[in-house]
Protein backbone atom coordinates (compact mmCIF):
# COMPACT_ATOMS: atom_id res chain seq x y z
CA MET A 1 -9.31 -1.70 -9.81
CA ARG A 2 -9.74 -3.19 -6.38
CA THR A 3 -11.08 -1.62 -3.21
CA ILE A 4 -9.10 -1.35 -0.02
CA SER A 5 -11.25 -4.13 1.48
CA GLN A 6 -10.52 -6.44 -1.45
CA ILE A 7 -6.78 -5.78 -1.12
CA ALA A 8 -6.91 -6.45 2.61
CA GLU A 9 -8.73 -9.73 2.03
CA LEU A 10 -6.30 -10.83 -0.71
CA THR A 11 -3.15 -9.99 1.26
CA GLY A 12 -4.22 -10.64 4.84
CA ILE A 13 -3.17 -7.18 5.99
CA SER A 14 -5.62 -4.79 7.58
CA THR A 15 -7.32 -1.87 5.90
CA ARG A 16 -5.77 0.30 8.60
CA THR A 17 -2.29 -0.81 7.52
CA LEU A 18 -3.11 0.13 3.92
CA GLN A 19 -4.34 3.51 5.13
CA TYR A 20 -1.10 3.91 7.09
CA TYR A 21 0.96 3.11 3.97
CA ASP A 22 -1.02 5.83 2.19
CA GLU A 23 -0.30 8.31 5.00
CA ILE A 24 3.45 7.69 5.16
CA GLY A 25 3.88 7.39 1.41
CA PRO A 26 5.08 4.01 0.15
CA LEU A 27 1.72 2.94 -1.24
CA LYS A 28 -0.69 5.53 -2.51
CA PRO A 29 -4.05 4.45 -3.91
CA SER A 30 -4.33 4.58 -7.69
CA ARG A 31 -7.57 6.45 -7.38
CA LEU A 32 -9.22 8.28 -4.52
CA THR A 33 -12.87 9.21 -4.86
CA GLN A 34 -14.38 12.46 -3.59
CA SER A 35 -15.91 10.48 -0.74
CA GLY A 36 -12.51 9.10 0.26
CA TYR A 37 -12.74 5.56 -1.13
CA ARG A 38 -9.37 4.12 -2.11
CA PHE A 39 -8.91 2.01 -5.24
CA TYR A 40 -5.77 0.14 -6.28
CA ASP A 41 -4.68 -0.96 -9.76
CA ASP A 42 -2.23 -3.70 -10.76
CA GLU A 43 0.77 -1.38 -10.46
CA ALA A 44 -0.17 -0.57 -6.85
CA MET A 45 -0.55 -4.29 -6.19
CA GLN A 46 3.00 -4.85 -7.45
CA LYS A 47 4.29 -2.12 -5.11
CA LEU A 48 2.44 -3.72 -2.22
CA GLN A 49 3.95 -7.08 -3.11
CA GLN A 50 7.43 -5.51 -2.94
CA ILE A 51 6.67 -3.90 0.42
CA LEU A 52 5.43 -7.17 1.88
CA PHE A 53 8.40 -9.08 0.42
CA PHE A 54 10.99 -6.81 2.01
CA LYS A 55 9.03 -6.64 5.24
CA GLU A 56 9.03 -10.45 5.39
CA LEU A 57 12.81 -10.45 4.90
CA GLY A 58 13.17 -8.14 7.87
CA PHE A 59 13.77 -4.91 6.00
CA ARG A 60 11.23 -2.87 7.94
CA HIS A 61 13.02 0.36 7.03
CA TYR A 62 12.10 -0.35 3.38
CA LEU A 63 8.90 1.62 3.98
CA LEU A 64 10.91 4.67 4.92
CA ILE A 65 13.21 4.29 1.92
CA ARG A 66 10.19 4.12 -0.39
CA LYS A 67 8.82 7.23 1.29
CA LYS A 68 12.05 9.19 0.77
CA LYS A 69 12.27 8.21 -2.91
CA GLN A 70 8.74 9.46 -3.57
CA ALA A 71 9.35 12.81 -1.85
């Protein structure tokens, strides 16, 4: 498990962006503590990799598609 700060450092995206992905749905933390700390496992890292891949290709709506599939 990695913290939100560790994920941000590894990927170069901000913790706020990760929080936003949690809010809109495409990337939920694997574990959320009672105090609100977010932790991500390897499966969540793979999802984030997919999100960043499609975003890099210009598929910005991919986030919305992921959100709809999870609903």
